[in-house]
Amino acid sequence: MSCGEACGLTMCYGDGGIRLTAPLSPAIHLGARKIIAVSTRRARTRGEADQPAVNGYPPPAQVAGVLLNAIFLDLLDADALRLQQLNALLGRVPPEGRDGLRHVDLLVLRPSQDLGRLANEFEADLPRAFRFLVRGLGSRETRSNDMLSLLMFQPDYIARLIELGERDACARAAEIDAFLQPESGSRGQVPV
């Protein structure tokens, strides 16, 4: 979708998909010099990342949640890391040796809250069969937060997501505005 002059750039595009293994690639190939990517994955601390999601064998819903993350969430993180590495490499290569490659600024916006945990607040209102599915054919304690947040489209949950997104964007408004200014950006400092 093009937002034309609304954001002060010549053209802006939004894209997403399941099969796209390099989600930043279309924008880069179309000539983007700056990309704002919106992730649905909150940045976890090292301590949070070291905590196991479940004790013992994971229930089927937990495995399905991990698979859905691999399809929808991991691709952006991997692509952002590749772009960061390429930008760092290009910074060490003289312009005449870059073979047409160029630096692309990237700003990744992430939610300040875990969307899976937020979805848990609305789980009790789901139809019984859906609750059974996301609980992993087990108890409330074994449900898959990730699967729940990816599949839940309840209006009250969506309204909370919109509120959270607006609050998070307002909290980073100065950073977003600075990023959108001509010839500004991170020059290799990609917040992943």
N, C-alpha and C. Protein backbone atom coordinates (compact mmCIF):
# COMPACT_ATOMS: atom_id res chain seq x y z
N MET A 1 0.84 -1.16 0.00
CA MET A 1 0.00 0.00 0.00
C MET A 1 0.89 1.23 0.00
N SER A 2 0.61 2.18 -0.81
CA SER A 2 1.41 3.39 -0.90
C SER A 2 0.81 4.47 -0.02
N CYS A 3 1.67 5.18 0.69
CA CYS A 3 1.17 6.31 1.48
C CYS A 3 1.66 7.63 0.89
N GLY A 4 2.30 7.55 -0.28
CA GLY A 4 2.69 8.73 -1.04
C GLY A 4 3.37 9.80 -0.22
N GLU A 5 2.87 11.00 -0.33
CA GLU A 5 3.49 12.14 0.34
C GLU A 5 3.14 12.24 1.81
N ALA A 6 2.24 11.41 2.30
CA ALA A 6 1.78 11.50 3.68
C ALA A 6 2.92 11.37 4.69
N CYS A 7 3.91 10.56 4.39
CA CYS A 7 5.00 10.38 5.36
C CYS A 7 6.24 11.18 4.97
N GLY A 8 6.15 12.01 3.96
CA GLY A 8 7.26 12.87 3.58
C GLY A 8 8.31 12.20 2.70
N LEU A 9 8.10 10.97 2.31
CA LEU A 9 9.02 10.28 1.42
C LEU A 9 8.37 10.16 0.05
N THR A 10 9.15 9.83 -0.95
CA THR A 10 8.60 9.69 -2.28
C THR A 10 7.54 8.60 -2.32
N MET A 11 7.85 7.42 -1.83
CA MET A 11 6.90 6.32 -1.80
C MET A 11 7.13 5.51 -0.52
N CYS A 12 6.05 4.96 0.01
CA CYS A 12 6.13 4.06 1.17
C CYS A 12 5.33 2.82 0.83
N TYR A 13 5.80 1.67 1.25
CA TYR A 13 5.10 0.42 0.96
C TYR A 13 4.97 -0.40 2.23
N GLY A 14 3.89 -1.13 2.34
CA GLY A 14 3.70 -2.08 3.42
C GLY A 14 3.47 -3.44 2.80
N ASP A 15 4.09 -4.47 3.36
CA ASP A 15 3.98 -5.79 2.77
C ASP A 15 4.06 -6.83 3.88
N GLY A 16 3.50 -7.97 3.66
CA GLY A 16 3.61 -9.08 4.59
C GLY A 16 3.22 -10.35 3.89
N GLY A 17 3.58 -11.47 4.46
CA GLY A 17 3.20 -12.73 3.84
C GLY A 17 3.82 -13.90 4.56
N ILE A 18 3.31 -15.07 4.27
CA ILE A 18 3.79 -16.29 4.91
C ILE A 18 5.02 -16.83 4.19
N ARG A 19 5.01 -16.83 2.87
CA ARG A 19 6.09 -17.45 2.11
C ARG A 19 7.30 -16.55 1.94
N LEU A 20 7.21 -15.32 2.30
CA LEU A 20 8.30 -14.37 2.10
C LEU A 20 9.40 -14.62 3.13
N THR A 21 10.50 -15.23 2.72
CA THR A 21 11.56 -15.58 3.65
C THR A 21 12.48 -14.41 3.97
N ALA A 22 12.40 -13.35 3.21
CA ALA A 22 13.20 -12.14 3.45
C ALA A 22 12.25 -10.94 3.37
N PRO A 23 11.52 -10.65 4.45
CA PRO A 23 10.46 -9.65 4.39
C PRO A 23 10.93 -8.23 4.03
N LEU A 24 12.19 -7.91 4.25
CA LEU A 24 12.69 -6.59 3.90
C LEU A 24 13.09 -6.50 2.43
N SER A 25 13.27 -7.63 1.80
CA SER A 25 13.79 -7.69 0.44
C SER A 25 12.98 -6.91 -0.59
N PRO A 26 11.65 -7.04 -0.64
CA PRO A 26 10.91 -6.29 -1.66
C PRO A 26 11.14 -4.78 -1.57
N ALA A 27 11.12 -4.25 -0.36
CA ALA A 27 11.34 -2.81 -0.20
C ALA A 27 12.74 -2.41 -0.65
N ILE A 28 13.72 -3.23 -0.31
CA ILE A 28 15.10 -2.93 -0.70
C ILE A 28 15.25 -2.99 -2.22
N HIS A 29 14.67 -4.02 -2.85
CA HIS A 29 14.77 -4.15 -4.31
C HIS A 29 14.01 -3.05 -5.04
N LEU A 30 13.00 -2.45 -4.39
CA LEU A 30 12.28 -1.33 -4.99
C LEU A 30 12.99 0.00 -4.76
N GLY A 31 14.15 -0.03 -4.08
CA GLY A 31 14.96 1.17 -3.92
C GLY A 31 14.85 1.87 -2.58
N ALA A 32 14.22 1.25 -1.59
CA ALA A 32 14.09 1.89 -0.27
C ALA A 32 15.46 2.20 0.32
N ARG A 33 15.57 3.36 0.90
CA ARG A 33 16.78 3.74 1.63
C ARG A 33 16.55 3.65 3.13
N LYS A 34 15.28 3.66 3.52
CA LYS A 34 14.89 3.56 4.93
C LYS A 34 13.67 2.65 5.03
N ILE A 35 13.66 1.81 6.06
CA ILE A 35 12.53 0.91 6.27
C ILE A 35 12.14 0.96 7.74
N ILE A 36 10.85 1.12 7.99
CA ILE A 36 10.31 0.94 9.34
C ILE A 36 9.57 -0.38 9.32
N ALA A 37 10.02 -1.32 10.14
CA ALA A 37 9.39 -2.64 10.22
C ALA A 37 8.69 -2.75 11.57
N VAL A 38 7.47 -3.23 11.55
CA VAL A 38 6.69 -3.39 12.77
C VAL A 38 6.63 -4.88 13.10
N SER A 39 7.20 -5.24 14.23
CA SER A 39 7.22 -6.63 14.67
C SER A 39 6.12 -6.85 15.70
N THR A 40 5.64 -8.06 15.79
CA THR A 40 4.68 -8.39 16.84
C THR A 40 5.36 -9.12 17.99
N ARG A 41 6.66 -9.24 17.94
CA ARG A 41 7.42 -9.92 19.00
C ARG A 41 8.09 -8.89 19.89
N ARG A 42 7.78 -8.97 21.17
CA ARG A 42 8.43 -8.10 22.16
C ARG A 42 9.86 -8.58 22.35
N ALA A 43 10.77 -7.64 22.50
CA ALA A 43 12.16 -7.99 22.75
C ALA A 43 12.27 -8.55 24.17
N ARG A 44 12.74 -9.78 24.28
CA ARG A 44 12.87 -10.41 25.59
C ARG A 44 14.26 -10.15 26.16
N THR A 45 14.34 -10.12 27.48
CA THR A 45 15.64 -10.02 28.13
C THR A 45 16.32 -11.38 28.05
N ARG A 46 17.60 -11.41 28.32
CA ARG A 46 18.33 -12.69 28.29
C ARG A 46 17.74 -13.65 29.33
N GLY A 47 17.37 -13.13 30.50
CA GLY A 47 16.78 -13.97 31.54
C GLY A 47 15.47 -14.60 31.09
N GLU A 48 14.64 -13.81 30.41
CA GLU A 48 13.37 -14.34 29.89
C GLU A 48 13.62 -15.39 28.82
N ALA A 49 14.60 -15.16 27.98
CA ALA A 49 14.91 -16.11 26.90
C ALA A 49 15.45 -17.42 27.46
N ASP A 50 16.10 -17.38 28.60
CA ASP A 50 16.67 -18.59 29.20
C ASP A 50 15.63 -19.43 29.95
N GLN A 51 14.44 -18.88 30.20
CA GLN A 51 13.40 -19.61 30.93
C GLN A 51 12.69 -20.57 29.98
N PRO A 52 12.53 -21.83 30.36
CA PRO A 52 11.79 -22.76 29.49
C PRO A 52 10.31 -22.36 29.44
N ALA A 53 9.69 -22.57 28.29
CA ALA A 53 8.28 -22.22 28.12
C ALA A 53 7.38 -23.19 28.89
N VAL A 54 7.79 -24.45 28.97
CA VAL A 54 7.03 -25.46 29.71
C VAL A 54 8.00 -26.40 30.40
N ASN A 55 7.53 -27.06 31.44
CA ASN A 55 8.33 -28.09 32.09
C ASN A 55 7.94 -29.44 31.50
N GLY A 56 8.92 -30.27 31.23
CA GLY A 56 8.62 -31.58 30.65
C GLY A 56 8.43 -31.47 29.15
N TYR A 57 7.69 -32.45 28.63
CA TYR A 57 7.43 -32.46 27.19
C TYR A 57 6.43 -31.37 26.83
N PRO A 58 6.68 -30.65 25.74
CA PRO A 58 5.72 -29.60 25.35
C PRO A 58 4.44 -30.21 24.79
N PRO A 59 3.30 -29.64 25.13
CA PRO A 59 2.04 -30.12 24.56
C PRO A 59 1.95 -29.74 23.08
N PRO A 60 1.07 -30.40 22.32
CA PRO A 60 0.96 -30.11 20.88
C PRO A 60 0.71 -28.63 20.57
N ALA A 61 -0.07 -27.95 21.40
CA ALA A 61 -0.34 -26.53 21.13
C ALA A 61 0.93 -25.69 21.26
N GLN A 62 1.82 -26.06 22.18
CA GLN A 62 3.08 -25.34 22.34
C GLN A 62 3.96 -25.54 21.10
N VAL A 63 4.01 -26.75 20.61
CA VAL A 63 4.78 -27.04 19.39
C VAL A 63 4.19 -26.25 18.21
N ALA A 64 2.86 -26.22 18.10
CA ALA A 64 2.22 -25.47 17.02
C ALA A 64 2.55 -23.98 17.14
N GLY A 65 2.59 -23.45 18.36
CA GLY A 65 2.95 -22.05 18.56
C GLY A 65 4.35 -21.74 18.09
N VAL A 66 5.28 -22.64 18.38
CA VAL A 66 6.66 -22.46 17.92
C VAL A 66 6.73 -22.49 16.39
N LEU A 67 5.99 -23.39 15.78
CA LEU A 67 5.96 -23.46 14.32
C LEU A 67 5.37 -22.19 13.71
N LEU A 68 4.30 -21.68 14.31
CA LEU A 68 3.72 -20.43 13.82
C LEU A 68 4.69 -19.27 13.97
N ASN A 69 5.44 -19.24 15.07
CA ASN A 69 6.47 -18.21 15.24
C ASN A 69 7.51 -18.30 14.13
N ALA A 70 7.89 -19.52 13.78
CA ALA A 70 8.89 -19.70 12.72
C ALA A 70 8.38 -19.14 11.39
N ILE A 71 7.08 -19.26 11.16
CA ILE A 71 6.49 -18.77 9.92
C ILE A 71 6.34 -17.25 9.95
N PHE A 72 5.82 -16.71 11.05
CA PHE A 72 5.42 -15.30 11.08
C PHE A 72 6.42 -14.36 11.72
N LEU A 73 7.16 -14.78 12.74
CA LEU A 73 7.96 -13.84 13.51
C LEU A 73 9.46 -13.94 13.28
N ASP A 74 9.98 -15.15 13.16
CA ASP A 74 11.42 -15.32 13.09
C ASP A 74 12.02 -14.73 11.82
N LEU A 75 11.25 -14.67 10.74
CA LEU A 75 11.78 -14.19 9.47
C LEU A 75 12.20 -12.73 9.53
N LEU A 76 11.41 -11.89 10.19
CA LEU A 76 11.76 -10.47 10.29
C LEU A 76 13.04 -10.30 11.10
N ASP A 77 13.14 -11.00 12.22
CA ASP A 77 14.33 -10.88 13.05
C ASP A 77 15.58 -11.32 12.30
N ALA A 78 15.49 -12.43 11.59
CA ALA A 78 16.65 -12.92 10.83
C ALA A 78 17.02 -11.96 9.71
N ASP A 79 16.03 -11.42 9.01
CA ASP A 79 16.29 -10.49 7.91
C ASP A 79 16.89 -9.18 8.44
N ALA A 80 16.39 -8.70 9.57
CA ALA A 80 16.94 -7.48 10.17
C ALA A 80 18.39 -7.67 10.57
N LEU A 81 18.71 -8.83 11.11
CA LEU A 81 20.09 -9.13 11.48
C LEU A 81 20.99 -9.17 10.24
N ARG A 82 20.51 -9.80 9.14
CA ARG A 82 21.29 -9.83 7.90
C ARG A 82 21.53 -8.42 7.37
N LEU A 83 20.50 -7.57 7.44
CA LEU A 83 20.67 -6.19 6.96
C LEU A 83 21.68 -5.45 7.83
N GLN A 84 21.62 -5.65 9.13
CA GLN A 84 22.59 -5.01 10.03
C GLN A 84 24.01 -5.45 9.69
N GLN A 85 24.20 -6.73 9.44
CA GLN A 85 25.53 -7.23 9.09
C GLN A 85 26.01 -6.69 7.74
N LEU A 86 25.10 -6.63 6.78
CA LEU A 86 25.46 -6.10 5.46
C LEU A 86 25.81 -4.62 5.56
N ASN A 87 25.03 -3.85 6.32
CA ASN A 87 25.34 -2.43 6.50
C ASN A 87 26.72 -2.24 7.14
N ALA A 88 27.04 -3.06 8.14
CA ALA A 88 28.36 -2.97 8.79
C ALA A 88 29.47 -3.30 7.80
N LEU A 89 29.26 -4.32 6.99
CA LEU A 89 30.25 -4.70 5.98
C LEU A 89 30.42 -3.59 4.95
N LEU A 90 29.31 -3.02 4.48
CA LEU A 90 29.38 -1.94 3.48
C LEU A 90 30.11 -0.71 4.04
N GLY A 91 30.01 -0.51 5.34
CA GLY A 91 30.72 0.61 5.97
C GLY A 91 32.22 0.46 5.90
N ARG A 92 32.71 -0.75 5.70
CA ARG A 92 34.15 -1.01 5.62
C ARG A 92 34.66 -1.13 4.19
N VAL A 93 33.74 -1.05 3.23
CA VAL A 93 34.11 -1.19 1.82
C VAL A 93 34.03 0.18 1.15
N PRO A 94 35.06 0.57 0.39
CA PRO A 94 34.97 1.86 -0.30
C PRO A 94 33.82 1.85 -1.32
N PRO A 95 33.20 3.01 -1.56
CA PRO A 95 32.04 3.08 -2.45
C PRO A 95 32.27 2.44 -3.81
N GLU A 96 33.45 2.56 -4.36
CA GLU A 96 33.70 1.98 -5.69
C GLU A 96 33.75 0.45 -5.66
N GLY A 97 33.87 -0.16 -4.49
CA GLY A 97 33.93 -1.61 -4.40
C GLY A 97 32.64 -2.26 -3.93
N ARG A 98 31.56 -1.51 -3.88
CA ARG A 98 30.29 -2.02 -3.33
C ARG A 98 29.42 -2.72 -4.36
N ASP A 99 29.78 -2.69 -5.60
CA ASP A 99 29.05 -3.43 -6.64
C ASP A 99 27.55 -3.12 -6.67
N GLY A 100 27.21 -1.86 -6.46
CA GLY A 100 25.81 -1.46 -6.51
C GLY A 100 25.06 -1.65 -5.20
N LEU A 101 25.67 -2.29 -4.22
CA LEU A 101 25.02 -2.44 -2.92
C LEU A 101 25.02 -1.10 -2.18
N ARG A 102 24.00 -0.85 -1.39
CA ARG A 102 23.90 0.41 -0.68
C ARG A 102 23.43 0.17 0.75
N HIS A 103 23.75 1.12 1.60
CA HIS A 103 23.31 1.09 2.99
C HIS A 103 21.80 1.35 3.03
N VAL A 104 21.07 0.60 3.87
CA VAL A 104 19.63 0.80 4.06
C VAL A 104 19.39 0.93 5.56
N ASP A 105 18.83 2.07 5.96
CA ASP A 105 18.51 2.28 7.37
C ASP A 105 17.26 1.49 7.73
N LEU A 106 17.26 0.91 8.93
CA LEU A 106 16.13 0.11 9.39
C LEU A 106 15.79 0.48 10.82
N LEU A 107 14.52 0.68 11.07
CA LEU A 107 14.01 0.90 12.42
C LEU A 107 12.95 -0.17 12.67
N VAL A 108 13.19 -1.02 13.67
CA VAL A 108 12.24 -2.07 14.01
C VAL A 108 11.46 -1.62 15.24
N LEU A 109 10.14 -1.56 15.09
CA LEU A 109 9.26 -1.20 16.20
C LEU A 109 8.67 -2.47 16.78
N ARG A 110 8.73 -2.61 18.10
CA ARG A 110 8.25 -3.81 18.78
C ARG A 110 7.26 -3.41 19.88
N PRO A 111 6.32 -4.31 20.20
CA PRO A 111 5.40 -4.01 21.30
C PRO A 111 6.13 -4.03 22.64
N SER A 112 5.65 -3.21 23.56
CA SER A 112 6.27 -3.15 24.89
C SER A 112 5.77 -4.27 25.79
N GLN A 113 4.74 -4.98 25.37
CA GLN A 113 4.19 -6.09 26.14
C GLN A 113 4.21 -7.36 25.30
N ASP A 114 4.27 -8.50 25.97
CA ASP A 114 4.18 -9.80 25.31
C ASP A 114 2.73 -10.00 24.86
N LEU A 115 2.51 -10.13 23.56
CA LEU A 115 1.15 -10.24 23.04
C LEU A 115 0.49 -11.56 23.42
N GLY A 116 1.27 -12.60 23.64
CA GLY A 116 0.72 -13.86 24.10
C GLY A 116 0.15 -13.74 25.51
N ARG A 117 0.89 -13.09 26.38
CA ARG A 117 0.39 -12.88 27.75
C ARG A 117 -0.83 -11.98 27.75
N LEU A 118 -0.83 -10.99 26.89
CA LEU A 118 -1.99 -10.11 26.77
C LEU A 118 -3.20 -10.90 26.28
N ALA A 119 -2.99 -11.80 25.34
CA ALA A 119 -4.09 -12.61 24.81
C ALA A 119 -4.71 -13.49 25.89
N ASN A 120 -3.90 -13.90 26.87
CA ASN A 120 -4.41 -14.73 27.95
C ASN A 120 -5.55 -14.05 28.72
N GLU A 121 -5.53 -12.73 28.78
CA GLU A 121 -6.59 -12.01 29.48
C GLU A 121 -7.95 -12.21 28.80
N PHE A 122 -7.95 -12.57 27.54
CA PHE A 122 -9.18 -12.70 26.76
C PHE A 122 -9.54 -14.16 26.46
N GLU A 123 -8.70 -15.09 26.88
CA GLU A 123 -8.88 -16.51 26.55
C GLU A 123 -10.19 -17.06 27.08
N ALA A 124 -10.61 -16.64 28.25
CA ALA A 124 -11.82 -17.19 28.86
C ALA A 124 -13.07 -16.90 28.03
N ASP A 125 -13.03 -15.88 27.19
CA ASP A 125 -14.19 -15.52 26.37
C ASP A 125 -14.24 -16.27 25.04
N LEU A 126 -13.24 -17.09 24.77
CA LEU A 126 -13.22 -17.84 23.51
C LEU A 126 -14.21 -19.00 23.56
N PRO A 127 -14.65 -19.46 22.40
CA PRO A 127 -15.49 -20.67 22.37
C PRO A 127 -14.75 -21.85 22.99
N ARG A 128 -15.51 -22.75 23.59
CA ARG A 128 -14.93 -23.88 24.33
C ARG A 128 -13.96 -24.71 23.48
N ALA A 129 -14.32 -25.02 22.26
CA ALA A 129 -13.45 -25.83 21.40
C ALA A 129 -12.12 -25.13 21.13
N PHE A 130 -12.16 -23.82 20.95
CA PHE A 130 -10.93 -23.07 20.69
C PHE A 130 -10.06 -23.04 21.95
N ARG A 131 -10.68 -22.88 23.13
CA ARG A 131 -9.92 -22.92 24.38
C ARG A 131 -9.23 -24.26 24.54
N PHE A 132 -9.92 -25.33 24.19
CA PHE A 132 -9.36 -26.68 24.27
C PHE A 132 -8.14 -26.79 23.35
N LEU A 133 -8.24 -26.24 22.15
CA LEU A 133 -7.15 -26.29 21.18
C LEU A 133 -5.92 -25.55 21.70
N VAL A 134 -6.08 -24.31 22.16
CA VAL A 134 -4.92 -23.51 22.56
C VAL A 134 -4.35 -23.96 23.89
N ARG A 135 -5.11 -24.70 24.66
CA ARG A 135 -4.56 -25.23 25.92
C ARG A 135 -3.74 -26.49 25.67
N GLY A 136 -3.63 -26.89 24.44
CA GLY A 136 -2.75 -27.99 24.10
C GLY A 136 -3.27 -29.34 24.51
N LEU A 137 -4.59 -29.47 24.45
CA LEU A 137 -5.20 -30.73 24.85
C LEU A 137 -4.82 -31.06 26.29
N GLY A 138 -4.70 -30.03 27.09
CA GLY A 138 -4.32 -30.20 28.49
C GLY A 138 -4.99 -29.15 29.35
N SER A 139 -4.27 -28.64 30.29
CA SER A 139 -4.84 -27.70 31.26
C SER A 139 -4.57 -26.26 30.86
N ARG A 140 -5.15 -25.35 31.63
CA ARG A 140 -4.95 -23.91 31.41
C ARG A 140 -3.46 -23.55 31.50
N GLU A 141 -2.73 -24.27 32.32
CA GLU A 141 -1.31 -23.98 32.53
C GLU A 141 -0.45 -24.40 31.33
N THR A 142 -0.95 -25.29 30.47
CA THR A 142 -0.14 -25.76 29.35
C THR A 142 -0.51 -25.09 28.03
N ARG A 143 -1.36 -24.08 28.08
CA ARG A 143 -1.77 -23.45 26.83
C ARG A 143 -0.59 -22.75 26.15
N SER A 144 -0.71 -22.54 24.86
CA SER A 144 0.32 -21.88 24.07
C SER A 144 -0.04 -20.40 23.92
N ASN A 145 0.69 -19.54 24.63
CA ASN A 145 0.47 -18.10 24.50
C ASN A 145 0.67 -17.63 23.07
N ASP A 146 1.71 -18.14 22.42
CA ASP A 146 2.02 -17.70 21.06
C ASP A 146 0.91 -18.08 20.09
N MET A 147 0.45 -19.32 20.18
CA MET A 147 -0.62 -19.74 19.28
C MET A 147 -1.89 -18.93 19.56
N LEU A 148 -2.17 -18.69 20.82
CA LEU A 148 -3.36 -17.92 21.19
C LEU A 148 -3.31 -16.52 20.59
N SER A 149 -2.17 -15.84 20.72
CA SER A 149 -2.09 -14.46 20.23
C SER A 149 -2.12 -14.38 18.71
N LEU A 150 -1.61 -15.40 18.02
CA LEU A 150 -1.60 -15.38 16.57
C LEU A 150 -2.97 -15.70 15.96
N LEU A 151 -3.80 -16.43 16.69
CA LEU A 151 -5.07 -16.87 16.14
C LEU A 151 -6.28 -16.11 16.69
N MET A 152 -6.08 -15.29 17.71
CA MET A 152 -7.21 -14.61 18.34
C MET A 152 -7.56 -13.33 17.59
N PHE A 153 -8.83 -13.21 17.20
CA PHE A 153 -9.30 -12.03 16.50
C PHE A 153 -10.52 -11.44 17.18
N GLN A 154 -10.61 -11.58 18.50
CA GLN A 154 -11.73 -11.00 19.25
C GLN A 154 -11.64 -9.49 19.20
N PRO A 155 -12.77 -8.81 19.01
CA PRO A 155 -12.75 -7.35 18.93
C PRO A 155 -12.13 -6.66 20.15
N ASP A 156 -12.38 -7.17 21.36
CA ASP A 156 -11.82 -6.52 22.55
C ASP A 156 -10.29 -6.71 22.61
N TYR A 157 -9.80 -7.85 22.18
CA TYR A 157 -8.36 -8.09 22.12
C TYR A 157 -7.72 -7.20 21.06
N ILE A 158 -8.34 -7.12 19.90
CA ILE A 158 -7.81 -6.27 18.82
C ILE A 158 -7.79 -4.81 19.27
N ALA A 159 -8.83 -4.37 19.97
CA ALA A 159 -8.86 -2.99 20.48
C ALA A 159 -7.69 -2.73 21.44
N ARG A 160 -7.38 -3.72 22.28
CA ARG A 160 -6.24 -3.57 23.20
C ARG A 160 -4.92 -3.52 22.43
N LEU A 161 -4.81 -4.32 21.36
CA LEU A 161 -3.60 -4.29 20.54
C LEU A 161 -3.42 -2.92 19.90
N ILE A 162 -4.51 -2.35 19.40
CA ILE A 162 -4.44 -1.03 18.78
C ILE A 162 -4.02 0.01 19.81
N GLU A 163 -4.61 -0.03 21.00
CA GLU A 163 -4.23 0.90 22.07
C GLU A 163 -2.75 0.77 22.41
N LEU A 164 -2.28 -0.48 22.54
CA LEU A 164 -0.88 -0.73 22.85
C LEU A 164 0.02 -0.18 21.75
N GLY A 165 -0.33 -0.44 20.50
CA GLY A 165 0.46 0.06 19.38
C GLY A 165 0.52 1.58 19.35
N GLU A 166 -0.60 2.23 19.59
CA GLU A 166 -0.61 3.69 19.62
C GLU A 166 0.24 4.23 20.76
N ARG A 167 0.13 3.61 21.94
CA ARG A 167 0.94 4.04 23.10
C ARG A 167 2.42 3.85 22.82
N ASP A 168 2.78 2.69 22.28
CA ASP A 168 4.19 2.42 21.98
C ASP A 168 4.73 3.37 20.91
N ALA A 169 3.92 3.66 19.89
CA ALA A 169 4.37 4.58 18.84
C ALA A 169 4.54 5.99 19.41
N CYS A 170 3.62 6.41 20.26
CA CYS A 170 3.75 7.74 20.89
C CYS A 170 5.00 7.82 21.76
N ALA A 171 5.31 6.73 22.45
CA ALA A 171 6.50 6.71 23.31
C ALA A 171 7.78 6.83 22.49
N ARG A 172 7.74 6.42 21.23
CA ARG A 172 8.92 6.47 20.37
C ARG A 172 8.77 7.50 19.24
N ALA A 173 7.82 8.41 19.40
CA ALA A 173 7.51 9.38 18.34
C ALA A 173 8.72 10.20 17.93
N ALA A 174 9.52 10.65 18.88
CA ALA A 174 10.69 11.46 18.54
C ALA A 174 11.70 10.64 17.73
N GLU A 175 11.88 9.39 18.11
CA GLU A 175 12.80 8.51 17.39
C GLU A 175 12.30 8.23 15.97
N ILE A 176 11.00 7.99 15.83
CA ILE A 176 10.41 7.75 14.51
C ILE A 176 10.52 8.99 13.64
N ASP A 177 10.23 10.14 14.22
CA ASP A 177 10.32 11.40 13.47
C ASP A 177 11.75 11.65 13.01
N ALA A 178 12.72 11.44 13.89
CA ALA A 178 14.13 11.64 13.52
C ALA A 178 14.54 10.66 12.41
N PHE A 179 14.05 9.43 12.48
CA PHE A 179 14.37 8.43 11.47
C PHE A 179 13.84 8.83 10.10
N LEU A 180 12.66 9.45 10.08
CA LEU A 180 12.03 9.81 8.81
C LEU A 180 12.59 11.09 8.19
N GLN A 181 13.43 11.80 8.92
CA GLN A 181 14.01 13.02 8.37
C GLN A 181 14.98 12.67 7.25
N PRO A 182 15.07 13.53 6.22
CA PRO A 182 16.01 13.26 5.12
C PRO A 182 17.44 13.10 5.64
N GLU A 183 18.11 12.08 5.10
CA GLU A 183 19.51 11.80 5.43
C GLU A 183 19.76 11.57 6.91
N SER A 184 18.75 11.10 7.64
CA SER A 184 18.97 10.70 9.03
C SER A 184 18.92 9.20 9.08
N GLY A 185 19.05 8.66 10.23
CA GLY A 185 18.95 7.21 10.38
C GLY A 185 20.10 6.68 11.17
N SER A 186 20.13 5.40 11.31
CA SER A 186 21.07 4.75 12.22
C SER A 186 22.45 4.51 11.60
N ARG A 187 22.54 4.48 10.29
CA ARG A 187 23.81 4.16 9.60
C ARG A 187 24.50 2.96 10.23
N GLY A 188 23.78 1.84 10.21
CA GLY A 188 24.37 0.60 10.67
C GLY A 188 23.91 0.17 12.05
N GLN A 189 23.28 1.04 12.81
CA GLN A 189 22.80 0.70 14.14
C GLN A 189 21.36 0.25 14.04
N VAL A 190 21.13 -0.98 13.70
CA VAL A 190 19.79 -1.49 13.51
C VAL A 190 19.26 -2.02 14.83
N PRO A 191 18.20 -1.36 15.42
CA PRO A 191 17.64 -1.88 16.66
C PRO A 191 16.81 -3.11 16.38
N VAL A 192 17.37 -4.28 16.66
CA VAL A 192 16.69 -5.55 16.41
C VAL A 192 16.13 -6.00 17.68
